[in-house]
């Protein structure tokens, strides 16, 4: 087994709710690249933003959000170091960000990890199926009224575990959370859910 890094981003809403990806975010991503994968949860609006994000990694996968007119699939399943990762925007879930509904969607896709967006709030939910949400890369407001600092996730995969790091723009781009998540058969549900960011 090798070691792979994936950048997870989405919900930029450029140009309808944000003018561009913040300069500090772009500089931080440039300092971290190249990633092996870029996973994009949709609601980008702009095709130019899609191309910009694809440039941060060797392989990229993007799904269509409910506000997108881009020609993208609704769902993707990607294999990263033997781990199956599902990618969807999240508007397919009736109650925005509902953990039970997201878990059911993940089980239906047969994935170890489900990545979704739509809520604009970053989240890591550990359990039999691991749920990840990068929040909004621009900090754009959501249809549900949520607004959090601009954020993204970095997933590092190797062996039987993954490490997920949350970065947020709070004056500067900061690492605000890091979680180690076990994957594979025999993992029992133990949900550790958080939204937003730590006051440090």
N, C-alpha and C. Protein backbone atom coordinates (compact mmCIF):
# COMPACT_ATOMS: atom_id res chain seq x y z
N UNK A 1 0.84 -1.19 0.00
CA UNK A 1 0.00 0.00 0.00
C UNK A 1 0.88 1.25 0.00
N UNK A 2 0.48 2.25 -0.73
CA UNK A 2 1.22 3.50 -0.79
C UNK A 2 0.62 4.55 0.12
N UNK A 3 0.86 5.79 -0.23
CA UNK A 3 0.37 6.92 0.55
C UNK A 3 -0.14 7.95 -0.43
N UNK A 4 -1.35 8.42 -0.26
CA UNK A 4 -1.95 9.37 -1.19
C UNK A 4 -2.58 10.52 -0.43
N UNK A 5 -2.54 11.70 -1.06
CA UNK A 5 -3.17 12.90 -0.48
C UNK A 5 -4.27 13.39 -1.42
N UNK A 6 -5.40 13.74 -0.83
CA UNK A 6 -6.53 14.28 -1.61
C UNK A 6 -6.96 15.62 -1.03
N UNK A 7 -7.12 16.60 -1.90
CA UNK A 7 -7.70 17.88 -1.53
C UNK A 7 -9.21 17.78 -1.73
N UNK A 8 -9.99 18.21 -0.74
CA UNK A 8 -11.45 18.16 -0.82
C UNK A 8 -12.00 19.57 -0.69
N UNK A 9 -12.72 20.02 -1.72
CA UNK A 9 -13.21 21.40 -1.77
C UNK A 9 -14.61 21.45 -2.39
N UNK A 10 -15.26 22.61 -2.26
CA UNK A 10 -16.54 22.78 -2.92
C UNK A 10 -17.25 24.06 -2.52
N UNK A 11 -18.45 24.22 -3.06
CA UNK A 11 -19.36 25.31 -2.72
C UNK A 11 -18.71 26.68 -2.81
N UNK A 12 -18.06 26.95 -3.95
CA UNK A 12 -17.42 28.26 -4.14
C UNK A 12 -18.44 29.34 -4.50
N UNK A 13 -19.46 28.98 -5.28
CA UNK A 13 -20.51 29.92 -5.69
C UNK A 13 -19.94 31.20 -6.31
N UNK A 14 -18.96 31.01 -7.19
CA UNK A 14 -18.38 32.15 -7.91
C UNK A 14 -19.04 32.23 -9.28
N UNK A 15 -19.61 33.36 -9.72
CA UNK A 15 -19.53 34.67 -9.06
C UNK A 15 -20.82 35.10 -8.35
N UNK A 16 -21.78 34.19 -8.14
CA UNK A 16 -23.07 34.65 -7.62
C UNK A 16 -23.06 35.03 -6.14
N UNK A 17 -22.22 34.35 -5.31
CA UNK A 17 -22.18 34.67 -3.88
C UNK A 17 -20.78 35.05 -3.40
N UNK A 18 -19.79 34.90 -4.27
CA UNK A 18 -18.41 35.28 -3.94
C UNK A 18 -17.72 35.71 -5.23
N UNK A 19 -16.82 36.68 -5.11
CA UNK A 19 -16.13 37.17 -6.30
C UNK A 19 -15.07 36.21 -6.82
N UNK A 20 -14.39 35.53 -5.89
CA UNK A 20 -13.31 34.61 -6.26
C UNK A 20 -12.92 33.80 -5.03
N UNK A 21 -12.05 32.81 -5.24
CA UNK A 21 -11.46 32.08 -4.11
C UNK A 21 -10.50 33.04 -3.41
N UNK A 22 -10.58 33.18 -2.09
CA UNK A 22 -9.69 34.12 -1.39
C UNK A 22 -8.22 33.87 -1.70
N UNK A 23 -7.47 34.96 -1.84
CA UNK A 23 -6.05 34.90 -2.19
C UNK A 23 -5.27 34.02 -1.20
N UNK A 24 -5.58 34.14 0.10
CA UNK A 24 -4.85 33.36 1.11
C UNK A 24 -5.05 31.86 0.92
N UNK A 25 -6.28 31.48 0.50
CA UNK A 25 -6.58 30.07 0.25
C UNK A 25 -5.77 29.58 -0.95
N UNK A 26 -5.76 30.36 -2.03
CA UNK A 26 -5.02 29.98 -3.23
C UNK A 26 -3.53 29.82 -2.91
N UNK A 27 -2.99 30.76 -2.13
CA UNK A 27 -1.57 30.68 -1.77
C UNK A 27 -1.28 29.44 -0.93
N UNK A 28 -2.17 29.13 0.00
CA UNK A 28 -1.99 27.94 0.83
C UNK A 28 -2.03 26.66 0.00
N UNK A 29 -2.98 26.59 -0.94
CA UNK A 29 -3.10 25.40 -1.78
C UNK A 29 -1.90 25.26 -2.71
N UNK A 30 -1.42 26.39 -3.22
CA UNK A 30 -0.22 26.34 -4.08
C UNK A 30 0.98 25.82 -3.30
N UNK A 31 1.07 26.15 -2.00
CA UNK A 31 2.20 25.69 -1.20
C UNK A 31 2.10 24.21 -0.86
N UNK A 32 0.88 23.63 -0.94
CA UNK A 32 0.65 22.23 -0.59
C UNK A 32 0.66 21.30 -1.81
N UNK A 33 0.47 21.83 -2.99
CA UNK A 33 0.33 20.99 -4.18
C UNK A 33 1.69 20.42 -4.60
N UNK A 34 1.68 19.35 -5.43
CA UNK A 34 0.49 18.75 -6.03
C UNK A 34 -0.14 17.69 -5.12
N UNK A 35 -1.45 17.61 -5.16
CA UNK A 35 -2.19 16.55 -4.51
C UNK A 35 -2.34 15.40 -5.50
N UNK A 36 -2.51 14.19 -4.98
CA UNK A 36 -2.76 13.05 -5.87
C UNK A 36 -4.16 13.12 -6.45
N UNK A 37 -5.10 13.63 -5.66
CA UNK A 37 -6.50 13.75 -6.08
C UNK A 37 -7.07 15.09 -5.64
N UNK A 38 -7.99 15.61 -6.43
CA UNK A 38 -8.81 16.74 -6.01
C UNK A 38 -10.25 16.28 -6.11
N UNK A 39 -10.98 16.32 -4.99
CA UNK A 39 -12.39 15.92 -4.95
C UNK A 39 -13.22 17.18 -4.75
N UNK A 40 -14.14 17.42 -5.69
CA UNK A 40 -14.88 18.69 -5.73
C UNK A 40 -16.36 18.41 -5.57
N UNK A 41 -16.97 18.98 -4.53
CA UNK A 41 -18.35 18.65 -4.17
C UNK A 41 -19.43 19.44 -4.92
N UNK A 42 -19.04 20.31 -5.84
CA UNK A 42 -20.03 21.01 -6.65
C UNK A 42 -20.42 22.38 -6.15
N UNK A 43 -21.42 22.96 -6.81
CA UNK A 43 -21.84 24.35 -6.61
C UNK A 43 -20.67 25.31 -6.78
N UNK A 44 -19.95 25.08 -7.88
CA UNK A 44 -18.84 25.97 -8.25
C UNK A 44 -19.38 27.15 -9.04
N UNK A 45 -20.38 26.89 -9.86
CA UNK A 45 -21.04 27.84 -10.77
C UNK A 45 -20.14 28.13 -11.98
N UNK A 46 -18.89 28.51 -11.73
CA UNK A 46 -17.98 28.93 -12.78
C UNK A 46 -17.11 27.78 -13.30
N UNK A 47 -17.09 27.62 -14.62
CA UNK A 47 -16.20 26.65 -15.23
C UNK A 47 -14.74 27.02 -15.04
N UNK A 48 -14.44 28.31 -14.95
CA UNK A 48 -13.06 28.76 -14.72
C UNK A 48 -12.57 28.29 -13.35
N UNK A 49 -13.45 28.34 -12.35
CA UNK A 49 -13.09 27.88 -11.01
C UNK A 49 -12.83 26.37 -11.03
N UNK A 50 -13.65 25.64 -11.76
CA UNK A 50 -13.46 24.20 -11.89
C UNK A 50 -12.07 23.89 -12.43
N UNK A 51 -11.67 24.58 -13.49
CA UNK A 51 -10.36 24.35 -14.08
C UNK A 51 -9.24 24.75 -13.12
N UNK A 52 -9.43 25.84 -12.39
CA UNK A 52 -8.43 26.27 -11.40
C UNK A 52 -8.23 25.20 -10.33
N UNK A 53 -9.33 24.64 -9.83
CA UNK A 53 -9.24 23.63 -8.78
C UNK A 53 -8.61 22.34 -9.30
N UNK A 54 -8.94 21.97 -10.54
CA UNK A 54 -8.34 20.77 -11.12
C UNK A 54 -6.82 20.88 -11.22
N UNK A 55 -6.31 22.10 -11.30
CA UNK A 55 -4.88 22.32 -11.43
C UNK A 55 -4.08 22.01 -10.18
N UNK A 56 -4.76 21.78 -9.05
CA UNK A 56 -4.04 21.51 -7.80
C UNK A 56 -3.68 20.02 -7.65
N UNK A 57 -4.16 19.16 -8.54
CA UNK A 57 -3.89 17.73 -8.38
C UNK A 57 -3.64 17.01 -9.67
N UNK A 58 -3.16 15.78 -9.53
CA UNK A 58 -2.88 14.95 -10.70
C UNK A 58 -4.16 14.39 -11.30
N UNK A 59 -5.10 13.97 -10.44
CA UNK A 59 -6.40 13.48 -10.89
C UNK A 59 -7.47 14.28 -10.17
N UNK A 60 -8.55 14.58 -10.87
CA UNK A 60 -9.62 15.34 -10.22
C UNK A 60 -10.97 14.72 -10.54
N UNK A 61 -11.87 14.82 -9.58
CA UNK A 61 -13.24 14.33 -9.73
C UNK A 61 -14.17 15.42 -9.20
N UNK A 62 -15.18 15.75 -9.97
CA UNK A 62 -16.12 16.79 -9.57
C UNK A 62 -17.54 16.31 -9.83
N UNK A 63 -18.47 16.71 -8.97
CA UNK A 63 -19.88 16.39 -9.15
C UNK A 63 -20.67 17.69 -9.26
N UNK A 64 -21.86 17.57 -9.80
CA UNK A 64 -22.71 18.73 -10.05
C UNK A 64 -23.53 19.05 -8.81
N UNK A 65 -23.53 20.32 -8.44
CA UNK A 65 -24.37 20.79 -7.35
C UNK A 65 -25.71 21.27 -7.88
N UNK A 66 -26.64 21.56 -6.98
CA UNK A 66 -27.98 21.98 -7.40
C UNK A 66 -27.98 23.35 -8.05
N UNK A 67 -26.90 24.14 -7.88
CA UNK A 67 -26.83 25.46 -8.51
C UNK A 67 -25.96 25.45 -9.77
N UNK A 68 -25.37 24.30 -10.10
CA UNK A 68 -24.47 24.21 -11.25
C UNK A 68 -25.21 23.96 -12.56
N UNK A 69 -24.70 24.56 -13.63
CA UNK A 69 -25.15 24.19 -14.97
C UNK A 69 -24.01 23.50 -15.71
N UNK A 70 -22.93 23.19 -14.99
CA UNK A 70 -21.77 22.52 -15.57
C UNK A 70 -22.13 21.06 -15.88
N UNK A 71 -21.53 20.54 -16.94
CA UNK A 71 -21.77 19.15 -17.34
C UNK A 71 -20.94 18.23 -16.46
N UNK A 72 -21.50 17.84 -15.33
CA UNK A 72 -20.80 16.99 -14.38
C UNK A 72 -21.75 15.88 -13.90
N UNK A 73 -21.21 14.75 -13.46
CA UNK A 73 -22.07 13.68 -12.94
C UNK A 73 -22.67 14.06 -11.58
N UNK A 74 -23.75 13.37 -11.20
CA UNK A 74 -24.36 13.59 -9.89
C UNK A 74 -23.57 12.93 -8.77
N UNK A 75 -22.92 11.80 -9.08
CA UNK A 75 -22.18 11.04 -8.07
C UNK A 75 -20.95 10.42 -8.71
N UNK A 76 -19.95 10.16 -7.88
CA UNK A 76 -18.74 9.45 -8.30
C UNK A 76 -18.33 8.50 -7.19
N UNK A 77 -17.70 7.39 -7.56
CA UNK A 77 -17.06 6.50 -6.59
C UNK A 77 -15.61 6.33 -7.04
N UNK A 78 -14.68 6.66 -6.15
CA UNK A 78 -13.26 6.65 -6.46
C UNK A 78 -12.56 5.69 -5.51
N UNK A 79 -11.57 4.98 -6.01
CA UNK A 79 -10.78 4.10 -5.15
C UNK A 79 -9.45 4.78 -4.86
N UNK A 80 -9.16 4.98 -3.57
CA UNK A 80 -7.90 5.58 -3.14
C UNK A 80 -7.23 4.61 -2.19
N UNK A 81 -6.14 4.01 -2.64
CA UNK A 81 -5.38 3.05 -1.82
C UNK A 81 -6.28 1.96 -1.23
N UNK A 82 -7.15 1.39 -2.05
CA UNK A 82 -8.02 0.31 -1.60
C UNK A 82 -9.26 0.75 -0.86
N UNK A 83 -9.38 2.05 -0.60
CA UNK A 83 -10.54 2.60 0.10
C UNK A 83 -11.52 3.17 -0.92
N UNK A 84 -12.78 2.85 -0.78
CA UNK A 84 -13.79 3.38 -1.70
C UNK A 84 -14.36 4.69 -1.15
N UNK A 85 -14.26 5.74 -1.96
CA UNK A 85 -14.72 7.07 -1.55
C UNK A 85 -15.85 7.50 -2.47
N UNK A 86 -17.00 7.83 -1.90
CA UNK A 86 -18.13 8.34 -2.67
C UNK A 86 -18.11 9.86 -2.66
N UNK A 87 -18.55 10.45 -3.75
CA UNK A 87 -18.57 11.91 -3.88
C UNK A 87 -19.93 12.33 -4.42
N UNK A 88 -20.60 13.23 -3.70
CA UNK A 88 -21.87 13.78 -4.14
C UNK A 88 -22.01 15.18 -3.56
N UNK A 89 -22.91 16.00 -4.15
CA UNK A 89 -23.05 17.35 -3.63
C UNK A 89 -23.76 17.36 -2.28
N UNK A 90 -24.85 16.62 -2.17
CA UNK A 90 -25.59 16.55 -0.91
C UNK A 90 -27.00 17.10 -0.98
N UNK A 91 -27.35 17.76 -2.10
CA UNK A 91 -28.71 18.28 -2.22
C UNK A 91 -29.70 17.14 -2.43
N UNK A 92 -29.19 15.93 -2.71
CA UNK A 92 -30.05 14.76 -2.87
C UNK A 92 -30.63 14.31 -1.53
N UNK A 93 -30.06 14.77 -0.43
CA UNK A 93 -30.52 14.42 0.92
C UNK A 93 -31.66 15.37 1.29
N UNK A 94 -32.80 14.81 1.67
CA UNK A 94 -33.99 15.61 1.91
C UNK A 94 -33.78 16.67 2.99
N UNK A 95 -33.24 16.26 4.13
CA UNK A 95 -32.94 17.23 5.20
C UNK A 95 -31.46 17.57 5.10
N UNK A 96 -31.18 18.82 4.84
CA UNK A 96 -29.82 19.28 4.57
C UNK A 96 -28.82 18.79 5.62
N UNK A 97 -27.83 18.01 5.18
CA UNK A 97 -26.77 17.54 6.07
C UNK A 97 -27.17 16.46 7.06
N UNK A 98 -28.32 15.82 6.89
CA UNK A 98 -28.80 14.83 7.84
C UNK A 98 -27.87 13.61 7.88
N UNK A 99 -27.35 13.29 9.06
CA UNK A 99 -26.36 12.23 9.21
C UNK A 99 -26.92 10.87 8.82
N UNK A 100 -28.14 10.55 9.27
CA UNK A 100 -28.74 9.25 8.94
C UNK A 100 -28.94 9.09 7.45
N UNK A 101 -29.43 10.14 6.79
CA UNK A 101 -29.67 10.07 5.35
C UNK A 101 -28.36 9.98 4.56
N UNK A 102 -27.35 10.71 5.01
CA UNK A 102 -26.03 10.62 4.36
C UNK A 102 -25.44 9.23 4.53
N UNK A 103 -25.61 8.66 5.72
CA UNK A 103 -25.10 7.30 5.97
C UNK A 103 -25.80 6.29 5.07
N UNK A 104 -27.12 6.42 4.92
CA UNK A 104 -27.86 5.52 4.02
C UNK A 104 -27.36 5.66 2.59
N UNK A 105 -27.10 6.89 2.16
CA UNK A 105 -26.59 7.12 0.80
C UNK A 105 -25.22 6.47 0.63
N UNK A 106 -24.38 6.55 1.66
CA UNK A 106 -23.05 5.95 1.61
C UNK A 106 -23.14 4.43 1.52
N UNK A 107 -24.03 3.84 2.32
CA UNK A 107 -24.23 2.39 2.30
C UNK A 107 -24.73 1.94 0.93
N UNK A 108 -25.64 2.71 0.36
CA UNK A 108 -26.17 2.38 -0.97
C UNK A 108 -25.08 2.41 -2.03
N UNK A 109 -24.14 3.34 -1.90
CA UNK A 109 -23.02 3.43 -2.84
C UNK A 109 -21.95 2.38 -2.54
N UNK A 110 -21.99 1.79 -1.35
CA UNK A 110 -21.00 0.78 -0.97
C UNK A 110 -19.62 1.36 -0.72
N UNK A 111 -19.57 2.54 -0.08
CA UNK A 111 -18.29 3.22 0.12
C UNK A 111 -17.87 3.23 1.59
N UNK A 112 -16.57 3.40 1.82
CA UNK A 112 -16.02 3.53 3.17
C UNK A 112 -16.14 4.96 3.67
N UNK A 113 -16.04 5.90 2.74
CA UNK A 113 -16.07 7.33 3.05
C UNK A 113 -17.01 8.01 2.07
N UNK A 114 -17.89 8.87 2.56
CA UNK A 114 -18.73 9.67 1.68
C UNK A 114 -18.38 11.13 1.86
N UNK A 115 -18.02 11.79 0.75
CA UNK A 115 -17.71 13.21 0.74
C UNK A 115 -18.89 13.95 0.14
N UNK A 116 -19.39 14.96 0.84
CA UNK A 116 -20.50 15.76 0.32
C UNK A 116 -20.30 17.21 0.75
N UNK A 117 -21.09 18.10 0.16
CA UNK A 117 -21.05 19.52 0.50
C UNK A 117 -22.43 20.02 0.84
N UNK A 118 -22.85 21.12 0.21
CA UNK A 118 -24.20 21.66 0.26
C UNK A 118 -24.52 22.45 1.53
N UNK A 119 -24.02 22.01 2.70
CA UNK A 119 -24.36 22.71 3.94
C UNK A 119 -23.50 23.95 4.14
N UNK A 120 -22.33 23.99 3.50
CA UNK A 120 -21.34 25.07 3.66
C UNK A 120 -20.69 25.07 5.04
N UNK A 121 -20.91 24.02 5.82
CA UNK A 121 -20.29 23.88 7.14
C UNK A 121 -19.38 22.67 7.13
N UNK A 122 -18.10 22.84 7.48
CA UNK A 122 -17.20 21.69 7.49
C UNK A 122 -17.59 20.69 8.56
N UNK A 123 -17.40 19.41 8.25
CA UNK A 123 -17.75 18.36 9.21
C UNK A 123 -16.94 17.11 8.95
N UNK A 124 -16.58 16.42 10.03
CA UNK A 124 -15.99 15.09 9.97
C UNK A 124 -16.84 14.22 10.88
N UNK A 125 -17.41 13.16 10.33
CA UNK A 125 -18.25 12.26 11.11
C UNK A 125 -17.67 10.87 11.00
N UNK A 126 -17.15 10.35 12.11
CA UNK A 126 -16.49 9.06 12.10
C UNK A 126 -17.46 7.97 12.49
N UNK A 127 -17.40 6.84 11.79
CA UNK A 127 -18.26 5.73 12.14
C UNK A 127 -18.04 4.57 11.20
N UNK A 128 -19.01 3.66 11.12
CA UNK A 128 -18.92 2.53 10.21
C UNK A 128 -18.77 3.04 8.78
N UNK A 129 -19.45 4.14 8.49
CA UNK A 129 -19.23 4.89 7.25
C UNK A 129 -18.79 6.28 7.69
N UNK A 130 -17.70 6.75 7.12
CA UNK A 130 -17.15 8.04 7.51
C UNK A 130 -17.68 9.12 6.55
N UNK A 131 -18.17 10.21 7.12
CA UNK A 131 -18.77 11.29 6.33
C UNK A 131 -17.91 12.54 6.46
N UNK A 132 -17.58 13.13 5.32
CA UNK A 132 -16.74 14.33 5.29
C UNK A 132 -17.42 15.43 4.51
N UNK A 133 -17.27 16.67 4.98
CA UNK A 133 -17.79 17.84 4.29
C UNK A 133 -16.73 18.94 4.40
N UNK A 134 -16.25 19.47 3.26
CA UNK A 134 -15.19 20.48 3.33
C UNK A 134 -15.67 21.89 3.66
N UNK A 135 -16.99 22.11 3.73
CA UNK A 135 -17.50 23.47 3.88
C UNK A 135 -17.37 24.22 2.57
N UNK A 136 -17.46 25.53 2.64
CA UNK A 136 -17.37 26.37 1.43
C UNK A 136 -15.97 26.95 1.30
N UNK A 137 -15.36 26.78 0.14
CA UNK A 137 -13.99 27.26 -0.08
C UNK A 137 -13.92 28.78 -0.07
N UNK A 138 -15.04 29.44 -0.32
CA UNK A 138 -15.06 30.92 -0.32
C UNK A 138 -15.75 31.51 0.91
N UNK A 139 -16.38 30.65 1.72
CA UNK A 139 -17.16 31.15 2.85
C UNK A 139 -18.50 31.70 2.45
N UNK A 140 -18.99 31.31 1.27
CA UNK A 140 -20.28 31.78 0.77
C UNK A 140 -21.42 31.31 1.67
N UNK A 141 -22.47 32.12 1.76
CA UNK A 141 -23.65 31.72 2.55
C UNK A 141 -24.40 30.60 1.84
N UNK A 142 -25.08 29.77 2.63
CA UNK A 142 -25.82 28.65 2.05
C UNK A 142 -27.31 28.95 2.04
N UNK A 143 -28.03 28.17 1.26
CA UNK A 143 -29.48 28.31 1.19
C UNK A 143 -30.15 28.03 2.52
N UNK A 144 -29.47 27.27 3.40
CA UNK A 144 -30.01 26.99 4.72
C UNK A 144 -29.67 28.06 5.74
N UNK A 145 -28.97 29.11 5.30
CA UNK A 145 -28.64 30.22 6.17
C UNK A 145 -27.29 30.13 6.84
N UNK A 146 -26.57 29.01 6.64
CA UNK A 146 -25.27 28.84 7.30
C UNK A 146 -24.20 29.69 6.63
N UNK A 147 -23.26 30.15 7.43
CA UNK A 147 -22.09 30.84 6.91
C UNK A 147 -20.92 30.57 7.84
N UNK A 148 -19.86 29.96 7.30
CA UNK A 148 -18.67 29.64 8.07
C UNK A 148 -17.47 30.23 7.35
N UNK A 149 -16.31 30.33 8.02
CA UNK A 149 -15.12 30.82 7.33
C UNK A 149 -14.78 29.92 6.13
N UNK A 150 -14.12 30.46 5.12
CA UNK A 150 -13.68 29.63 3.99
C UNK A 150 -12.87 28.44 4.51
N UNK A 151 -13.10 27.27 3.92
CA UNK A 151 -12.46 26.06 4.44
C UNK A 151 -12.26 25.00 3.37
N UNK A 152 -11.37 24.06 3.68
CA UNK A 152 -11.15 22.89 2.83
C UNK A 152 -10.59 21.77 3.69
N UNK A 153 -10.66 20.54 3.18
CA UNK A 153 -10.11 19.38 3.86
C UNK A 153 -8.96 18.80 3.06
N UNK A 154 -8.01 18.20 3.77
CA UNK A 154 -6.96 17.40 3.14
C UNK A 154 -7.04 16.01 3.74
N UNK A 155 -7.19 15.01 2.88
CA UNK A 155 -7.27 13.61 3.29
C UNK A 155 -5.95 12.95 2.94
N UNK A 156 -5.36 12.26 3.92
CA UNK A 156 -4.12 11.52 3.69
C UNK A 156 -4.40 10.05 3.96
N UNK A 157 -4.23 9.21 2.95
CA UNK A 157 -4.61 7.80 3.04
C UNK A 157 -3.39 6.91 2.92
N UNK A 158 -3.34 5.91 3.78
CA UNK A 158 -2.28 4.92 3.73
C UNK A 158 -2.57 3.81 4.71
N UNK A 159 -2.50 2.56 4.29
CA UNK A 159 -2.80 1.45 5.18
C UNK A 159 -4.28 1.39 5.52
N UNK A 160 -4.57 1.08 6.81
CA UNK A 160 -5.96 0.88 7.24
C UNK A 160 -6.55 2.12 7.87
N UNK A 161 -5.93 3.27 7.68
CA UNK A 161 -6.49 4.48 8.27
C UNK A 161 -6.29 5.67 7.35
N UNK A 162 -7.07 6.69 7.60
CA UNK A 162 -6.88 7.96 6.89
C UNK A 162 -6.79 9.06 7.93
N UNK A 163 -6.09 10.11 7.57
CA UNK A 163 -6.02 11.28 8.42
C UNK A 163 -6.68 12.43 7.66
N UNK A 164 -7.58 13.10 8.33
CA UNK A 164 -8.31 14.20 7.71
C UNK A 164 -7.98 15.49 8.45
N UNK A 165 -7.55 16.51 7.71
CA UNK A 165 -7.20 17.80 8.30
C UNK A 165 -8.12 18.87 7.75
N UNK A 166 -8.64 19.69 8.66
CA UNK A 166 -9.49 20.82 8.28
C UNK A 166 -8.68 22.10 8.36
N UNK A 167 -8.70 22.85 7.27
CA UNK A 167 -8.04 24.16 7.21
C UNK A 167 -9.10 25.23 7.02
N UNK A 168 -8.99 26.33 7.77
CA UNK A 168 -9.94 27.43 7.63
C UNK A 168 -9.22 28.77 7.57
N UNK A 169 -9.83 29.71 6.88
CA UNK A 169 -9.29 31.06 6.78
C UNK A 169 -9.87 31.89 7.92
N UNK A 170 -9.07 32.04 8.97
CA UNK A 170 -9.47 32.84 10.14
C UNK A 170 -8.34 33.85 10.35
N UNK A 171 -8.37 34.93 9.60
CA UNK A 171 -7.26 35.87 9.58
C UNK A 171 -6.17 35.39 8.64
N UNK A 172 -5.78 34.12 8.81
CA UNK A 172 -4.86 33.42 7.91
C UNK A 172 -5.36 31.99 7.79
N UNK A 173 -4.77 31.24 6.86
CA UNK A 173 -5.20 29.85 6.70
C UNK A 173 -4.57 29.03 7.82
N UNK A 174 -5.43 28.40 8.65
CA UNK A 174 -4.96 27.65 9.81
C UNK A 174 -5.49 26.22 9.77
N UNK A 175 -4.67 25.30 10.27
CA UNK A 175 -5.12 23.95 10.55
C UNK A 175 -5.93 24.01 11.84
N UNK A 176 -7.24 23.74 11.76
CA UNK A 176 -8.09 23.87 12.94
C UNK A 176 -8.57 22.53 13.51
N UNK A 177 -8.35 21.45 12.77
CA UNK A 177 -8.76 20.14 13.27
C UNK A 177 -8.04 19.05 12.49
N UNK A 178 -7.62 18.01 13.19
CA UNK A 178 -7.04 16.84 12.52
C UNK A 178 -7.62 15.61 13.18
N UNK A 179 -8.11 14.68 12.38
CA UNK A 179 -8.73 13.45 12.90
C UNK A 179 -8.15 12.25 12.16
N UNK A 180 -7.85 11.19 12.91
CA UNK A 180 -7.47 9.92 12.31
C UNK A 180 -8.72 9.05 12.25
N UNK A 181 -9.00 8.51 11.09
CA UNK A 181 -10.24 7.76 10.87
C UNK A 181 -9.88 6.37 10.37
N UNK A 182 -10.32 5.32 11.10
CA UNK A 182 -10.08 3.94 10.67
C UNK A 182 -11.05 3.57 9.57
N UNK A 183 -10.58 2.74 8.65
CA UNK A 183 -11.45 2.26 7.58
C UNK A 183 -11.30 0.75 7.46
N UNK A 184 -12.25 0.14 6.78
CA UNK A 184 -12.15 -1.29 6.53
C UNK A 184 -13.19 -2.08 7.31
N UNK A 185 -13.26 -3.40 7.08
CA UNK A 185 -14.27 -4.24 7.72
C UNK A 185 -14.09 -4.29 9.23
N UNK A 186 -15.22 -4.41 9.94
CA UNK A 186 -15.18 -4.56 11.38
C UNK A 186 -15.15 -3.25 12.15
N UNK A 187 -15.19 -2.13 11.45
CA UNK A 187 -15.23 -0.84 12.13
C UNK A 187 -16.67 -0.58 12.57
N UNK A 188 -16.85 -0.30 13.85
CA UNK A 188 -18.19 -0.10 14.39
C UNK A 188 -18.51 1.38 14.52
N UNK A 189 -19.78 1.76 14.40
CA UNK A 189 -20.13 3.18 14.45
C UNK A 189 -19.68 3.85 15.75
N UNK A 190 -19.05 4.98 15.63
CA UNK A 190 -18.65 5.81 16.77
C UNK A 190 -18.59 7.22 16.25
N UNK A 191 -19.73 7.85 16.13
CA UNK A 191 -19.83 9.14 15.46
C UNK A 191 -19.19 10.24 16.30
N UNK A 192 -18.31 10.99 15.69
CA UNK A 192 -17.70 12.16 16.32
C UNK A 192 -17.97 13.31 15.38
N UNK A 193 -18.99 14.08 15.65
CA UNK A 193 -19.48 15.09 14.73
C UNK A 193 -19.13 16.47 15.25
N UNK A 194 -18.61 17.32 14.37
CA UNK A 194 -18.43 18.71 14.75
C UNK A 194 -18.76 19.58 13.55
N UNK A 195 -19.21 20.75 13.81
CA UNK A 195 -19.47 21.75 12.78
C UNK A 195 -18.71 23.01 13.17
N UNK A 196 -18.37 23.80 12.21
CA UNK A 196 -17.71 25.06 12.50
C UNK A 196 -16.25 24.88 12.85
N UNK A 197 -15.74 25.70 13.77
CA UNK A 197 -14.32 25.68 14.06
C UNK A 197 -14.05 25.93 15.53
N UNK A 198 -12.84 25.58 15.95
CA UNK A 198 -12.45 25.77 17.34
C UNK A 198 -12.01 27.21 17.56
N UNK A 199 -12.37 27.78 18.68
CA UNK A 199 -11.85 29.09 19.07
C UNK A 199 -10.50 28.87 19.72
N UNK A 200 -9.45 29.35 19.09
CA UNK A 200 -8.11 29.14 19.63
C UNK A 200 -7.47 30.46 19.94
